[in-house]
Structures are given as structure tokens and as C-alpha cells.
Amino acid sequence: MLESLVTSKTRIKLLLKFFSHQNSGYLRSLAKDFDESTNSVRVELNRLTEAGLLVAEEEGKTKVYKANKQHPFFAEIKNMVSKFLGLDDLMERIVKRMGEVEKAYIIGDYAHGIDSGTVNMILIGKNLDQNYLNFIKNKTYEKVQRKVEVSILDEDPGNIAGILVYGA
């Protein structure tokens, strides 16, 4: 879907990085994360910045980029990226049908805006339906070609380094 709208693979990676979560990044780290040349990443960062989709801020000698939340299409691009990753549908289905889900967290690569092909989640709740969880994990893989790994906890440990996706 996204590949038919945006032809640059590097640009897609940048959009996924900056619009999937509230991430920021600088040229060299982005090039390393994407296994791309700094030149190709620089070209796309410049294009996205000139289009107003990204903003760049100086932190010492380093230029740090992040999504421009003031851009008129910010919400639409964020929604598109989220749908592309399949996270909206996944989270909605899990929360509605799993049982007493108190909170759901996305952790790992996806929490950092990196599409590694695996979505790591933590569900917090009681009496959660394991059979449905196995079913939805398989369906998610069929639908969006992403593996889902889920850990279930009875109670919130209070300090999870991830992104809160759902909270009751």
C-alpha cells in the first residue's frame, strides 16, 4: 500500500520511523539503523524537511529530526503509517476480544519506529483468552506479514520502557 504511494524505500523507512511513534533521530544513527548510506538518508531527510513533514533542531553539533506535529497532514500520515504497520487493527482486536485487558504496550523495535518484522507486545490483565491470542497472532501474520510476540502480565510492574497503546 505505502510502497505504491511512496517510491523511495528510504523515504518509507523515515516516514515509518518518525510517524509511527514520537521518535527523533539524526543522520548517522538513521543511516546505521536502516543500513543505508548517509547520502541517501540525507537526501530524503532534506526532502521531507522541505515539504514541512519533518522539523530539524540543533542539539550541539548534531541536527536532530522529528515529525512536524504542526503540519496539516500530520494526523493523516500518522494514521496511514499505523494502518500500514497493522497496529491499529491488531490492538483494537486484542483489546476488544482478549478479556480484561487493562493496558497494552508495544515494545522493542516497533516502539522505536523500526520495522524489523516482529511486533513485541506486553498485555496486562486477568483472565485473558490465550486461544484467541494465538488465533489473532496467526491472522496478523497472514494479513500484514509481521510476527507478533506477546507477553502477558497479571499486573502493571510500573516501569515498562515502551509505548502505551491502550490504557483502561
Protein backbone atom coordinates (compact mmCIF):
# COMPACT_ATOMS: atom_id res chain seq x y z
CA MET A 1 0.00 0.00 0.00
CA LEU A 2 2.52 2.61 1.14
CA GLU A 3 5.04 1.44 -1.47
CA SER A 4 2.60 2.35 -4.26
CA LEU A 5 2.30 5.92 -2.96
CA VAL A 6 5.92 6.50 -2.00
CA THR A 7 8.55 5.12 -4.36
CA SER A 8 11.67 5.72 -2.24
CA LYS A 9 12.35 2.87 0.19
CA THR A 10 14.46 5.21 2.33
CA ARG A 11 11.62 7.73 2.48
CA ILE A 12 9.23 4.98 3.58
CA LYS A 13 11.63 3.96 6.35
CA LEU A 14 11.85 7.57 7.51
CA LEU A 15 8.07 8.00 7.49
CA LEU A 16 7.68 4.77 9.47
CA LYS A 17 10.33 5.91 11.94
CA PHE A 18 9.01 9.40 12.57
CA PHE A 19 5.25 8.87 12.22
CA SER A 20 4.81 5.52 13.96
CA HIS A 21 5.78 6.92 17.36
CA GLN A 22 7.17 10.14 18.75
CA ASN A 23 10.68 9.40 17.59
CA SER A 24 13.58 11.59 16.71
CA GLY A 25 16.84 10.77 15.01
CA TYR A 26 19.97 12.15 13.49
CA LEU A 27 21.59 11.38 10.15
CA ARG A 28 24.27 8.87 11.15
CA SER A 29 22.06 6.86 13.51
CA LEU A 30 19.28 6.70 10.91
CA ALA A 31 21.70 5.55 8.21
CA LYS A 32 23.02 2.86 10.57
CA ASP A 33 19.51 1.73 11.64
CA PHE A 34 18.35 1.50 8.02
CA ASP A 35 21.62 0.06 6.71
CA GLU A 36 21.67 2.84 4.10
CA SER A 37 24.29 5.35 3.01
CA THR A 38 24.30 8.67 4.83
CA ASN A 39 23.89 10.39 1.47
CA SER A 40 20.63 8.61 0.58
CA VAL A 41 19.23 9.28 4.06
CA ARG A 42 20.35 12.95 3.89
CA VAL A 43 18.59 13.45 0.55
CA GLU A 44 15.31 12.08 1.90
CA LEU A 45 15.60 13.98 5.20
CA ASN A 46 16.06 17.19 3.20
CA ARG A 47 13.05 16.42 1.00
CA LEU A 48 10.80 15.67 3.97
CA THR A 49 12.05 18.76 5.82
CA GLU A 50 11.50 21.00 2.77
CA ALA A 51 7.97 19.57 2.48
CA GLY A 52 7.40 20.56 6.11
CA LEU A 53 6.77 16.97 7.27
CA LEU A 54 9.89 16.93 9.45
CA VAL A 55 11.49 19.60 11.59
CA ALA A 56 15.19 19.77 12.36
CA GLU A 57 16.64 21.10 15.59
CA GLU A 58 20.26 21.65 16.52
CA GLU A 59 21.45 19.76 19.61
CA GLY A 60 25.05 20.84 19.96
CA LYS A 61 26.74 19.98 16.68
CA THR A 62 24.08 17.43 15.76
CA LYS A 63 20.95 18.09 13.72
CA VAL A 64 18.05 16.07 15.14
CA TYR A 65 14.94 15.39 13.05
CA LYS A 66 11.40 14.61 14.17
CA ALA A 67 7.88 14.68 12.74
CA ASN A 68 6.31 18.12 12.44
CA LYS A 69 3.17 17.83 14.59
CA GLN A 70 2.00 21.21 13.28
CA HIS A 71 1.83 20.01 9.66
CA PRO A 72 -1.77 19.89 8.37
CA PHE A 73 -1.34 16.25 7.30
CA PHE A 74 0.40 15.03 10.47
CA ALA A 75 -2.60 13.07 11.78
CA GLU A 76 -3.40 11.59 8.37
CA ILE A 77 0.17 10.43 7.76
CA LYS A 78 0.38 9.02 11.29
CA ASN A 79 -2.87 7.08 10.70
CA MET A 80 -1.65 5.82 7.32
CA VAL A 81 1.63 4.60 8.80
CA SER A 82 -0.18 2.94 11.69
CA LYS A 83 -2.54 1.14 9.32
CA PHE A 84 0.38 0.12 7.13
CA LEU A 85 2.04 -1.48 10.14
CA GLY A 86 -1.24 -3.16 11.08
CA LEU A 87 -1.01 -1.99 14.67
CA ASP A 88 -4.38 -0.22 14.81
CA ASP A 89 -6.30 -3.30 13.77
CA LEU A 90 -4.18 -5.60 15.91
CA MET A 91 -4.57 -3.55 19.09
CA GLU A 92 -8.28 -2.96 18.57
CA ARG A 93 -8.98 -6.67 18.07
CA ILE A 94 -6.88 -7.75 21.00
CA VAL A 95 -8.34 -5.24 23.43
CA LYS A 96 -11.95 -5.99 22.41
CA ARG A 97 -11.76 -9.77 22.50
CA MET A 98 -8.98 -10.83 24.87
CA GLY A 99 -10.84 -10.33 28.12
CA GLU A 100 -9.96 -7.94 30.90
CA VAL A 101 -7.07 -6.05 29.26
CA GLU A 102 -6.00 -3.18 31.50
CA LYS A 103 -3.10 -1.96 29.37
CA ALA A 104 -1.28 -2.93 26.20
CA TYR A 105 2.25 -1.86 25.36
CA ILE A 106 4.25 -2.03 22.14
CA ILE A 107 7.93 -2.52 22.98
CA GLY A 108 11.11 -3.32 21.09
CA ASP A 109 11.89 -2.24 17.53
CA TYR A 110 8.38 -1.02 16.70
CA ALA A 111 8.39 1.19 19.79
CA HIS A 112 11.46 2.83 18.26
CA GLY A 113 9.95 3.11 14.78
CA ILE A 114 11.99 0.30 13.23
CA ASP A 115 10.11 -2.19 11.06
CA SER A 116 12.00 -5.38 11.92
CA GLY A 117 9.09 -7.64 11.00
CA THR A 118 8.32 -8.52 14.62
CA VAL A 119 5.89 -6.66 16.87
CA ASN A 120 6.62 -7.18 20.58
CA MET A 121 3.73 -6.52 22.95
CA ILE A 122 3.00 -6.71 26.64
CA LEU A 123 -0.61 -7.19 27.74
CA ILE A 124 -1.59 -6.52 31.33
CA GLY A 125 -4.80 -8.04 32.61
CA LYS A 126 -6.56 -11.01 34.13
CA ASN A 127 -8.34 -13.99 32.57
CA LEU A 128 -7.00 -13.28 29.08
CA ASP A 129 -8.04 -15.65 26.29
CA GLN A 130 -4.86 -17.47 25.16
CA ASN A 131 -6.67 -19.33 22.36
CA TYR A 132 -7.86 -16.09 20.82
CA LEU A 133 -4.38 -14.62 21.22
CA ASN A 134 -2.87 -17.49 19.21
CA PHE A 135 -5.56 -17.08 16.54
CA ILE A 136 -5.03 -13.31 16.19
CA LYS A 137 -1.24 -13.72 16.06
CA ASN A 138 -1.59 -16.07 13.09
CA LYS A 139 -4.14 -13.82 11.37
CA THR A 140 -1.93 -10.78 11.86
CA TYR A 141 0.98 -12.57 10.21
CA GLU A 142 -1.22 -13.58 7.27
CA LYS A 143 -2.58 -10.05 6.89
CA VAL A 144 0.47 -7.81 7.39
CA GLN A 145 3.42 -10.26 7.27
CA ARG A 146 4.61 -9.32 10.74
CA LYS A 147 5.30 -11.76 13.55
CA VAL A 148 3.65 -10.90 16.87
CA GLU A 149 5.25 -11.83 20.19
CA VAL A 150 3.13 -11.22 23.27
CA SER A 151 3.96 -11.39 26.97
CA ILE A 152 1.09 -11.41 29.45
CA LEU A 153 1.36 -9.97 32.97
CA ASP A 154 -1.27 -10.02 35.73
CA GLU A 155 -0.40 -6.54 36.93
CA ASP A 156 1.50 -3.49 35.75
CA PRO A 157 5.09 -3.55 37.02
CA GLY A 158 5.05 0.23 36.71
CA ASN A 159 8.17 0.76 34.63
CA ILE A 160 7.87 -0.59 31.11
CA ALA A 161 10.12 1.07 28.56
CA GLY A 162 7.71 1.12 25.63
CA ILE A 163 4.83 2.94 24.09
CA LEU A 164 1.45 2.89 25.81
CA VAL A 165 -1.03 1.94 23.13
CA TYR A 166 -4.08 1.23 25.22
CA GLY A 167 -4.96 2.05 28.78
CA ALA A 168 -8.25 1.33 30.53
